Every structure is written in C-alpha cells, then in structure tokens.
C-alpha cells in the first residue's frame, strides 16, 4: 500500500474522529480504580461509543492470526505490552498500570490513540519513571515531525529518550499510517537513525506510539492471538497520538 496523502477536508474529518477517540479515553480513565475489572472499562467505552453514534475501529478487526478482535478497547495490564483483551476476571489492583488503546471510524476515517494509567495512588518509583519516560518519548517523537525531515528522525528521538532513562523500546510493534484504513503506510518505528527513512511531507497522517519496557525489549504473543507480553515479565507502557502534517505545520489530531 502506497502512502495516501490526505487533503485538508480529509484531515478535518480525521480531526473529528480524533476528538471522539480522546473523549472515549477521557470517559474510561476515571474508572481505572482498584477493584475494577478490565471488562468494566470495556463496558464504559462501549457505552460511550453507542452514545456518540460512532463505529469502533478495533472490534471485529482481524489481526495477523486472522482472529477478529472482540472488544472496543484494548486493556494491557503490567507486563502486557499491547492488545490485551478485556476480561471480567482481570481485576485491577493498587500499583498496577493499564494501557488503554482505542480507535473509532467517523465519516469514513479512523482515529487511534492510547494512554497508560496508574491504578490507585501508590506507584513504585521505577514504575512511575516508566510512565513518565514513555509519555515524554511520545512528545519527543512528535517534536521531531517536520516537513522535509525523515521518519528516522522520529524513531531516533523516541529511542534516545527511552534508552537514556534506562528502558527498552519494543521493536516488534511500530506506529503506522492511518486514514480510511486503520493501518496504512508508512510504518513508523520507535527506533532508528536521524536522516534515514521516508521523507515527511504535507498530507501525511500517522500514529506515533512508543511501547516501552522496563526490562528487555523482547515480546511474545499469547495463545489468544492478540495479547503481547514482555518476554522477561517486566512492566510495559504505551502512549499514542495520531499526527498530521499540514501546510501550516504539525497537528496532533487526538490531543
């Protein structure tokens, strides 16, 4: 699939989709409390989708294994990196962290965003540092976006910050272009070298989504065909925004 440059009107539609994604995450966040289940969070997200009259992007989406994803929300707890499936059996506890990842389809275009939230008020110092560094690496990646630069600039910025903090960038999963499909070209790795890779230009819209492990970078996918976990059992955090390059600069569509 070639990179599909978006018009101003198409970016406006994606801005509206991005605002809905942000509203979804904002609705779920207050429910991340000790004693809640990840299915409780899914039910909040599903209710908000119905209220807003939009189509969930993830539910029914077929991954590499061909199994359709069953939920509106991905809830990845502790050592789960991405694509954790909500369950009434997964109870959140004080000190856990949970990544909330969701997307919608609105007016034919997709929006996609993720955040990682602490459960309760007591968080281990290294866990707090992991969340802070991962979110900061997303900001660093976005700050590296500019017309005429390369996607390697983005990955290098993310990688440098993460590794400076003593953490590891996941290689198996990367950011991606987005538009009338959830996953489009180009791929946007969270690692790389400045000046390498595809040049960025107006009309490009893509998701930057650092996935950062407290331990080693390796991950594996569980038997459900979706849930990716760290190989060494270390914690993992995930933050994501959809970003557009326009004639006037860079815009975060899911802010």
C-alpha atoms as a PDB file:
ATOM      1  CA  UNK A   1       0.000   0.000   0.000  1.00  0.00           C
ATOM      2  CA  UNK A   2       1.433   3.377  -1.008  1.00  0.00           C
ATOM      3  CA  UNK A   3       1.335   6.383   1.318  1.00  0.00           C
ATOM      4  CA  UNK A   4      -2.011   8.100   0.862  1.00  0.00           C
ATOM      5  CA  UNK A   5      -1.651  11.870   1.328  1.00  0.00           C
ATOM      6  CA  UNK A   6      -4.727  13.493   2.896  1.00  0.00           C
ATOM      7  CA  UNK A   7      -6.451  16.658   1.731  1.00  0.00           C
ATOM      8  CA  UNK A   8      -7.415  19.443   4.112  1.00  0.00           C
ATOM      9  CA  UNK A   9     -11.005  18.188   4.185  1.00  0.00           C
ATOM     10  CA  UNK A  10      -9.884  14.632   4.925  1.00  0.00           C
ATOM     11  CA  UNK A  11      -7.682  15.850   7.768  1.00  0.00           C
ATOM     12  CA  UNK A  12     -10.675  17.784   9.112  1.00  0.00           C
ATOM     13  CA  UNK A  13     -12.648  14.530   9.214  1.00  0.00           C
ATOM     14  CA  UNK A  14      -9.759  12.805  10.964  1.00  0.00           C
ATOM     15  CA  UNK A  15      -9.621  15.671  13.462  1.00  0.00           C
ATOM     16  CA  UNK A  16     -13.252  14.964  14.326  1.00  0.00           C
ATOM     17  CA  UNK A  17     -12.515  11.238  14.660  1.00  0.00           C
ATOM     18  CA  UNK A  18      -9.533  12.052  16.869  1.00  0.00           C
ATOM     19  CA  UNK A  19     -11.680  14.185  19.164  1.00  0.00           C
ATOM     20  CA  UNK A  20     -14.053  11.247  19.646  1.00  0.00           C
ATOM     21  CA  UNK A  21     -11.159   8.920  20.497  1.00  0.00           C
ATOM     22  CA  UNK A  22      -9.972  11.419  23.103  1.00  0.00           C
ATOM     23  CA  UNK A  23     -13.491  11.605  24.549  1.00  0.00           C
ATOM     24  CA  UNK A  24     -13.545   7.814  24.815  1.00  0.00           C
ATOM     25  CA  UNK A  25     -10.258   7.654  26.699  1.00  0.00           C
ATOM     26  CA  UNK A  26     -11.318  10.526  28.947  1.00  0.00           C
ATOM     27  CA  UNK A  27     -14.537   8.665  29.765  1.00  0.00           C
ATOM     28  CA  UNK A  28     -12.719   5.464  30.698  1.00  0.00           C
ATOM     29  CA  UNK A  29      -9.844   6.955  32.715  1.00  0.00           C
ATOM     30  CA  UNK A  30     -11.833   7.755  35.929  1.00  0.00           C
ATOM     31  CA  UNK A  31     -12.957   4.122  36.109  1.00  0.00           C
ATOM     32  CA  UNK A  32      -9.370   2.839  36.366  1.00  0.00           C
ATOM     33  CA  UNK A  33      -9.573   2.071  40.077  1.00  0.00           C
ATOM     34  CA  UNK A  34      -8.518  -0.811  42.362  1.00  0.00           C
ATOM     35  CA  UNK A  35     -11.214  -3.486  42.257  1.00  0.00           C
ATOM     36  CA  UNK A  36     -12.443  -2.647  38.754  1.00  0.00           C
ATOM     37  CA  UNK A  37     -12.096  -5.274  36.052  1.00  0.00           C
ATOM     38  CA  UNK A  38     -10.825  -4.611  32.573  1.00  0.00           C
ATOM     39  CA  UNK A  39     -14.278  -5.636  31.321  1.00  0.00           C
ATOM     40  CA  UNK A  40     -15.739  -2.819  33.429  1.00  0.00           C
ATOM     41  CA  UNK A  41     -13.547  -0.443  31.421  1.00  0.00           C
ATOM     42  CA  UNK A  42     -14.677  -2.051  28.166  1.00  0.00           C
ATOM     43  CA  UNK A  43     -18.325  -1.552  29.103  1.00  0.00           C
ATOM     44  CA  UNK A  44     -17.717   2.142  29.755  1.00  0.00           C
ATOM     45  CA  UNK A  45     -16.022   2.503  26.362  1.00  0.00           C
ATOM     46  CA  UNK A  46     -18.750   0.545  24.568  1.00  0.00           C
ATOM     47  CA  UNK A  47     -21.430   2.693  26.186  1.00  0.00           C
ATOM     48  CA  UNK A  48     -19.645   5.878  25.102  1.00  0.00           C
ATOM     49  CA  UNK A  49     -19.334   4.592  21.524  1.00  0.00           C
ATOM     50  CA  UNK A  50     -23.091   3.968  21.457  1.00  0.00           C
ATOM     51  CA  UNK A  51     -23.795   7.387  22.966  1.00  0.00           C
ATOM     52  CA  UNK A  52     -21.655   9.162  20.364  1.00  0.00           C
ATOM     53  CA  UNK A  53     -23.005   7.103  17.455  1.00  0.00           C
ATOM     54  CA  UNK A  54     -19.613   6.132  16.039  1.00  0.00           C
ATOM     55  CA  UNK A  55     -18.174   2.823  14.847  1.00  0.00           C
ATOM     56  CA  UNK A  56     -15.467   1.180  16.978  1.00  0.00           C
ATOM     57  CA  UNK A  57     -12.298   0.610  14.975  1.00  0.00           C
ATOM     58  CA  UNK A  58     -10.936  -2.388  16.865  1.00  0.00           C
ATOM     59  CA  UNK A  59     -13.995  -4.596  17.400  1.00  0.00           C
ATOM     60  CA  UNK A  60     -14.045  -7.185  14.619  1.00  0.00           C
ATOM     61  CA  UNK A  61     -10.633  -6.148  13.292  1.00  0.00           C
ATOM     62  CA  UNK A  62      -8.674  -9.157  12.082  1.00  0.00           C
ATOM     63  CA  UNK A  63      -5.046  -9.352  13.117  1.00  0.00           C
ATOM     64  CA  UNK A  64      -2.119 -11.362  11.802  1.00  0.00           C
ATOM     65  CA  UNK A  65      -3.558 -14.600  13.198  1.00  0.00           C
ATOM     66  CA  UNK A  66      -6.889 -13.964  11.461  1.00  0.00           C
ATOM     67  CA  UNK A  67      -8.863 -13.875  14.731  1.00  0.00           C
ATOM     68  CA  UNK A  68     -11.243 -10.910  14.992  1.00  0.00           C
ATOM     69  CA  UNK A  69     -10.618  -8.670  17.985  1.00  0.00           C
ATOM     70  CA  UNK A  70     -13.648  -8.933  20.300  1.00  0.00           C
ATOM     71  CA  UNK A  71     -13.758  -5.550  22.044  1.00  0.00           C
ATOM     72  CA  UNK A  72     -13.903  -1.754  21.645  1.00  0.00           C
ATOM     73  CA  UNK A  73     -10.929  -1.235  23.951  1.00  0.00           C
ATOM     74  CA  UNK A  74      -7.507  -2.818  24.401  1.00  0.00           C
ATOM     75  CA  UNK A  75      -6.571  -3.067  28.088  1.00  0.00           C
ATOM     76  CA  UNK A  76      -2.961  -4.136  28.600  1.00  0.00           C
ATOM     77  CA  UNK A  77      -2.034  -4.598  32.270  1.00  0.00           C
ATOM     78  CA  UNK A  78       1.509  -4.555  33.720  1.00  0.00           C
ATOM     79  CA  UNK A  79       3.657  -6.883  31.561  1.00  0.00           C
ATOM     80  CA  UNK A  80       1.116  -6.816  28.720  1.00  0.00           C
ATOM     81  CA  UNK A  81       2.568  -4.575  26.016  1.00  0.00           C
ATOM     82  CA  UNK A  82      -0.385  -4.121  23.641  1.00  0.00           C
ATOM     83  CA  UNK A  83      -3.678  -5.699  22.541  1.00  0.00           C
ATOM     84  CA  UNK A  84      -4.728  -7.016  25.941  1.00  0.00           C
ATOM     85  CA  UNK A  85      -8.322  -8.273  25.753  1.00  0.00           C
ATOM     86  CA  UNK A  86     -10.727  -7.017  28.457  1.00  0.00           C
ATOM     87  CA  UNK A  87     -11.943  -9.724  30.852  1.00  0.00           C
ATOM     88  CA  UNK A  88     -14.321  -9.862  33.830  1.00  0.00           C
ATOM     89  CA  UNK A  89     -11.646 -11.992  35.533  1.00  0.00           C
ATOM     90  CA  UNK A  90      -8.854  -9.397  35.289  1.00  0.00           C
ATOM     91  CA  UNK A  91      -9.164  -7.312  38.448  1.00  0.00           C
ATOM     92  CA  UNK A  92      -7.052  -4.174  38.753  1.00  0.00           C
ATOM     93  CA  UNK A  93      -5.023  -3.733  41.918  1.00  0.00           C
ATOM     94  CA  UNK A  94      -3.282  -0.830  43.609  1.00  0.00           C
ATOM     95  CA  UNK A  95       0.062  -0.212  41.931  1.00  0.00           C
ATOM     96  CA  UNK A  96      -0.866  -1.809  38.599  1.00  0.00           C
ATOM     97  CA  UNK A  97      -0.596   0.079  35.326  1.00  0.00           C
ATOM     98  CA  UNK A  98      -3.019  -0.376  32.435  1.00  0.00           C
ATOM     99  CA  UNK A  99      -2.683   0.787  28.840  1.00  0.00           C
ATOM    100  CA  UNK A 100      -5.948   1.956  27.287  1.00  0.00           C
ATOM    101  CA  UNK A 101      -5.900   1.839  23.490  1.00  0.00           C
ATOM    102  CA  UNK A 102      -8.911   2.538  21.286  1.00  0.00           C
ATOM    103  CA  UNK A 103      -9.991   3.828  17.899  1.00  0.00           C
ATOM    104  CA  UNK A 104     -13.118   4.833  16.010  1.00  0.00           C
ATOM    105  CA  UNK A 105     -14.371   5.265  12.467  1.00  0.00           C
ATOM    106  CA  UNK A 106     -16.148   8.549  11.738  1.00  0.00           C
ATOM    107  CA  UNK A 107     -17.149   9.879   8.319  1.00  0.00           C
ATOM    108  CA  UNK A 108     -15.108   7.098   6.710  1.00  0.00           C
ATOM    109  CA  UNK A 109     -11.855   7.909   8.536  1.00  0.00           C
ATOM    110  CA  UNK A 110     -10.081   6.404  11.522  1.00  0.00           C
ATOM    111  CA  UNK A 111      -8.741   7.884  14.740  1.00  0.00           C
ATOM    112  CA  UNK A 112      -6.433   5.990  17.108  1.00  0.00           C
ATOM    113  CA  UNK A 113      -4.838   6.841  20.451  1.00  0.00           C
ATOM    114  CA  UNK A 114      -3.541   5.220  23.635  1.00  0.00           C
ATOM    115  CA  UNK A 115      -2.506   6.169  27.154  1.00  0.00           C
ATOM    116  CA  UNK A 116      -1.191   4.272  30.165  1.00  0.00           C
ATOM    117  CA  UNK A 117      -2.815   4.913  33.535  1.00  0.00           C
ATOM    118  CA  UNK A 118      -1.711   4.110  37.077  1.00  0.00           C
ATOM    119  CA  UNK A 119      -4.165   2.165  39.241  1.00  0.00           C
ATOM    120  CA  UNK A 120      -4.611   3.846  42.620  1.00  0.00           C
ATOM    121  CA  UNK A 121      -2.291   6.359  44.235  1.00  0.00           C
ATOM    122  CA  UNK A 122       0.625   4.151  45.227  1.00  0.00           C
ATOM    123  CA  UNK A 123       3.052   3.538  42.385  1.00  0.00           C
ATOM    124  CA  UNK A 124       6.594   2.186  42.662  1.00  0.00           C
ATOM    125  CA  UNK A 125       9.237   4.786  41.795  1.00  0.00           C
ATOM    126  CA  UNK A 126      10.572   2.870  38.782  1.00  0.00           C
ATOM    127  CA  UNK A 127       7.032   2.279  37.503  1.00  0.00           C
ATOM    128  CA  UNK A 128       6.299   5.999  37.731  1.00  0.00           C
ATOM    129  CA  UNK A 129       9.535   6.686  35.845  1.00  0.00           C
ATOM    130  CA  UNK A 130       8.500   4.212  33.131  1.00  0.00           C
ATOM    131  CA  UNK A 131       5.206   6.016  32.566  1.00  0.00           C
ATOM    132  CA  UNK A 132       6.856   9.421  32.595  1.00  0.00           C
ATOM    133  CA  UNK A 133       9.616   8.377  30.179  1.00  0.00           C
ATOM    134  CA  UNK A 134       7.209   6.706  27.759  1.00  0.00           C
ATOM    135  CA  UNK A 135       4.920   9.710  27.605  1.00  0.00           C
ATOM    136  CA  UNK A 136       7.928  12.024  27.231  1.00  0.00           C
ATOM    137  CA  UNK A 137       9.234   9.848  24.377  1.00  0.00           C
ATOM    138  CA  UNK A 138       5.930  10.327  22.542  1.00  0.00           C
ATOM    139  CA  UNK A 139       6.336  14.083  22.920  1.00  0.00           C
ATOM    140  CA  UNK A 140       9.930  13.827  21.667  1.00  0.00           C
ATOM    141  CA  UNK A 141       8.774  11.844  18.634  1.00  0.00           C
ATOM    142  CA  UNK A 142       6.063  14.372  17.810  1.00  0.00           C
ATOM    143  CA  UNK A 143       8.523  17.237  18.228  1.00  0.00           C
ATOM    144  CA  UNK A 144      10.744  15.548  15.608  1.00  0.00           C
ATOM    145  CA  UNK A 145       7.966  15.614  12.992  1.00  0.00           C
ATOM    146  CA  UNK A 146       8.529  18.270  10.341  1.00  0.00           C
ATOM    147  CA  UNK A 147       8.140  18.565   6.588  1.00  0.00           C
ATOM    148  CA  UNK A 148      11.392  17.642   4.883  1.00  0.00           C
ATOM    149  CA  UNK A 149      12.632  15.566   7.807  1.00  0.00           C
ATOM    150  CA  UNK A 150      12.579  11.773   7.828  1.00  0.00           C
ATOM    151  CA  UNK A 151      10.740   9.121   9.798  1.00  0.00           C
ATOM    152  CA  UNK A 152      14.140   8.079  11.108  1.00  0.00           C
ATOM    153  CA  UNK A 153      14.224  11.407  12.942  1.00  0.00           C
ATOM    154  CA  UNK A 154      11.060  10.410  14.804  1.00  0.00           C
ATOM    155  CA  UNK A 155      12.285   6.955  15.769  1.00  0.00           C
ATOM    156  CA  UNK A 156      15.690   8.263  16.802  1.00  0.00           C
ATOM    157  CA  UNK A 157      14.118  10.865  19.090  1.00  0.00           C
ATOM    158  CA  UNK A 158      11.932   8.260  20.807  1.00  0.00           C
ATOM    159  CA  UNK A 159      14.753   5.748  21.166  1.00  0.00           C
ATOM    160  CA  UNK A 160      17.272   8.249  22.522  1.00  0.00           C
ATOM    161  CA  UNK A 161      14.980   9.423  25.316  1.00  0.00           C
ATOM    162  CA  UNK A 162      13.856   5.923  26.298  1.00  0.00           C
ATOM    163  CA  UNK A 163      17.354   4.463  26.424  1.00  0.00           C
ATOM    164  CA  UNK A 164      18.718   7.489  28.270  1.00  0.00           C
ATOM    165  CA  UNK A 165      16.190   6.683  31.008  1.00  0.00           C
ATOM    166  CA  UNK A 166      17.370   3.060  31.174  1.00  0.00           C
ATOM    167  CA  UNK A 167      14.382   1.449  29.451  1.00  0.00           C
ATOM    168  CA  UNK A 168      13.893  -0.506  26.189  1.00  0.00           C
ATOM    169  CA  UNK A 169      11.933   0.238  23.018  1.00  0.00           C
ATOM    170  CA  UNK A 170       9.789  -2.586  21.618  1.00  0.00           C
ATOM    171  CA  UNK A 171      10.774  -3.489  18.042  1.00  0.00           C
ATOM    172  CA  UNK A 172       8.055  -5.950  17.034  1.00  0.00           C
ATOM    173  CA  UNK A 173       5.279  -3.336  17.035  1.00  0.00           C
ATOM    174  CA  UNK A 174       5.539   0.113  15.449  1.00  0.00           C
ATOM    175  CA  UNK A 175       3.485   3.171  14.615  1.00  0.00           C
ATOM    176  CA  UNK A 176       1.626   3.372  11.314  1.00  0.00           C
ATOM    177  CA  UNK A 177      -0.086   5.497   8.748  1.00  0.00           C
ATOM    178  CA  UNK A 178      -3.832   5.911   9.184  1.00  0.00           C
ATOM    179  CA  UNK A 179      -6.744   7.196   7.121  1.00  0.00           C
ATOM    180  CA  UNK A 180      -9.565   5.228   5.501  1.00  0.00           C
ATOM    181  CA  UNK A 181      -7.820   2.144   6.919  1.00  0.00           C
ATOM    182  CA  UNK A 182      -6.646   1.639  10.489  1.00  0.00           C
ATOM    183  CA  UNK A 183      -3.192   0.595   9.325  1.00  0.00           C
ATOM    184  CA  UNK A 184      -1.702   2.251   6.254  1.00  0.00           C
ATOM    185  CA  UNK A 185       1.793   3.014   5.032  1.00  0.00           C
ATOM    186  CA  UNK A 186       4.194   4.214   6.243  1.00  0.00           C
ATOM    187  CA  UNK A 187       5.393   2.210   9.218  1.00  0.00           C
ATOM    188  CA  UNK A 188       6.730   4.487  11.968  1.00  0.00           C
ATOM    189  CA  UNK A 189       9.301   2.653  14.129  1.00  0.00           C
ATOM    190  CA  UNK A 190      10.127   3.906  17.619  1.00  0.00           C
ATOM    191  CA  UNK A 191      13.826   3.474  16.901  1.00  0.00           C
ATOM    192  CA  UNK A 192      16.147   4.443  14.070  1.00  0.00           C
ATOM    193  CA  UNK A 193      18.705   6.925  12.819  1.00  0.00           C
ATOM    194  CA  UNK A 194      18.249  10.598  12.060  1.00  0.00           C
ATOM    195  CA  UNK A 195      18.174  11.362   8.364  1.00  0.00           C
ATOM    196  CA  UNK A 196      17.176   7.816   7.400  1.00  0.00           C
ATOM    197  CA  UNK A 197      13.876   6.534   6.099  1.00  0.00           C
ATOM    198  CA  UNK A 198      10.986   8.142   4.250  1.00  0.00           C
ATOM    199  CA  UNK A 199      10.841  11.910   3.993  1.00  0.00           C
ATOM    200  CA  UNK A 200       7.893  13.551   5.710  1.00  0.00           C
ATOM    201  CA  UNK A 201       5.646  15.844   3.686  1.00  0.00           C
ATOM    202  CA  UNK A 202       2.312  17.657   3.982  1.00  0.00           C
ATOM    203  CA  UNK A 203      -0.718  15.387   3.789  1.00  0.00           C
ATOM    204  CA  UNK A 204       0.885  12.551   5.739  1.00  0.00           C
ATOM    205  CA  UNK A 205      -1.093  11.337   8.759  1.00  0.00           C
ATOM    206  CA  UNK A 206       0.337   8.681  11.038  1.00  0.00           C
ATOM    207  CA  UNK A 207       0.281   7.300  14.558  1.00  0.00           C
ATOM    208  CA  UNK A 208       3.343   7.594  16.766  1.00  0.00           C
ATOM    209  CA  UNK A 209       3.084   5.060  19.580  1.00  0.00           C
ATOM    210  CA  UNK A 210       6.075   4.252  21.762  1.00  0.00           C
ATOM    211  CA  UNK A 211       5.821   0.903  23.539  1.00  0.00           C
ATOM    212  CA  UNK A 212       8.473   0.852  26.237  1.00  0.00           C
ATOM    213  CA  UNK A 213       9.576  -1.985  28.506  1.00  0.00           C
ATOM    214  CA  UNK A 214      11.132  -1.582  31.938  1.00  0.00           C
ATOM    215  CA  UNK A 215      13.366  -4.569  31.175  1.00  0.00           C
ATOM    216  CA  UNK A 216      14.490  -6.032  27.877  1.00  0.00           C
ATOM    217  CA  UNK A 217      12.816  -5.220  24.570  1.00  0.00           C
ATOM    218  CA  UNK A 218      11.618  -8.725  23.666  1.00  0.00           C
ATOM    219  CA  UNK A 219       7.893  -9.532  23.460  1.00  0.00           C
ATOM    220  CA  UNK A 220       5.777 -12.568  22.647  1.00  0.00           C
ATOM    221  CA  UNK A 221       2.136 -13.019  21.642  1.00  0.00           C
ATOM    222  CA  UNK A 222      -0.043 -15.289  23.784  1.00  0.00           C
ATOM    223  CA  UNK A 223      -2.269 -18.108  22.559  1.00  0.00           C
ATOM    224  CA  UNK A 224      -5.274 -15.789  22.195  1.00  0.00           C
ATOM    225  CA  UNK A 225      -3.507 -14.416  19.108  1.00  0.00           C
ATOM    226  CA  UNK A 226      -3.635 -10.835  20.374  1.00  0.00           C
ATOM    227  CA  UNK A 227      -2.117 -10.162  23.787  1.00  0.00           C
ATOM    228  CA  UNK A 228       1.579  -9.284  23.553  1.00  0.00           C
ATOM    229  CA  UNK A 229       3.619  -9.561  26.765  1.00  0.00           C
ATOM    230  CA  UNK A 230       7.216  -8.865  27.705  1.00  0.00           C
ATOM    231  CA  UNK A 231       9.410 -11.963  27.481  1.00  0.00           C
ATOM    232  CA  UNK A 232      11.126 -11.207  30.792  1.00  0.00           C
ATOM    233  CA  UNK A 233       7.941 -10.319  32.696  1.00  0.00           C
ATOM    234  CA  UNK A 234       8.905  -6.659  33.077  1.00  0.00           C
ATOM    235  CA  UNK A 235       6.337  -3.871  33.014  1.00  0.00           C
ATOM    236  CA  UNK A 236       5.457  -2.109  29.770  1.00  0.00           C
ATOM    237  CA  UNK A 237       3.853   1.263  28.962  1.00  0.00           C
ATOM    238  CA  UNK A 238       2.231   2.582  25.770  1.00  0.00           C
ATOM    239  CA  UNK A 239       1.255   6.077  24.642  1.00  0.00           C
ATOM    240  CA  UNK A 240      -0.061   7.041  21.205  1.00  0.00           C
ATOM    241  CA  UNK A 241      -1.284  10.030  19.212  1.00  0.00           C
ATOM    242  CA  UNK A 242      -2.483  10.478  15.631  1.00  0.00           C
ATOM    243  CA  UNK A 243      -0.451  13.255  13.984  1.00  0.00           C
ATOM    244  CA  UNK A 244      -0.994  15.161  10.727  1.00  0.00           C
ATOM    245  CA  UNK A 245       1.491  17.188   8.695  1.00  0.00           C
ATOM    246  CA  UNK A 246      -0.259  20.126   7.054  1.00  0.00           C
ATOM    247  CA  UNK A 247       0.885  23.105   5.014  1.00  0.00           C
ATOM    248  CA  UNK A 248       0.814  25.085   8.250  1.00  0.00           C
ATOM    249  CA  UNK A 249       2.770  22.682  10.469  1.00  0.00           C
ATOM    250  CA  UNK A 250       2.169  19.619  12.636  1.00  0.00           C
ATOM    251  CA  UNK A 251      -1.141  18.901  14.345  1.00  0.00           C
ATOM    252  CA  UNK A 252      -1.962  16.283  16.991  1.00  0.00           C
ATOM    253  CA  UNK A 253      -5.427  15.087  15.965  1.00  0.00           C
ATOM    254  CA  UNK A 254      -6.087  13.100  19.156  1.00  0.00           C
ATOM    255  CA  UNK A 255      -4.999  15.733  21.687  1.00  0.00           C
END
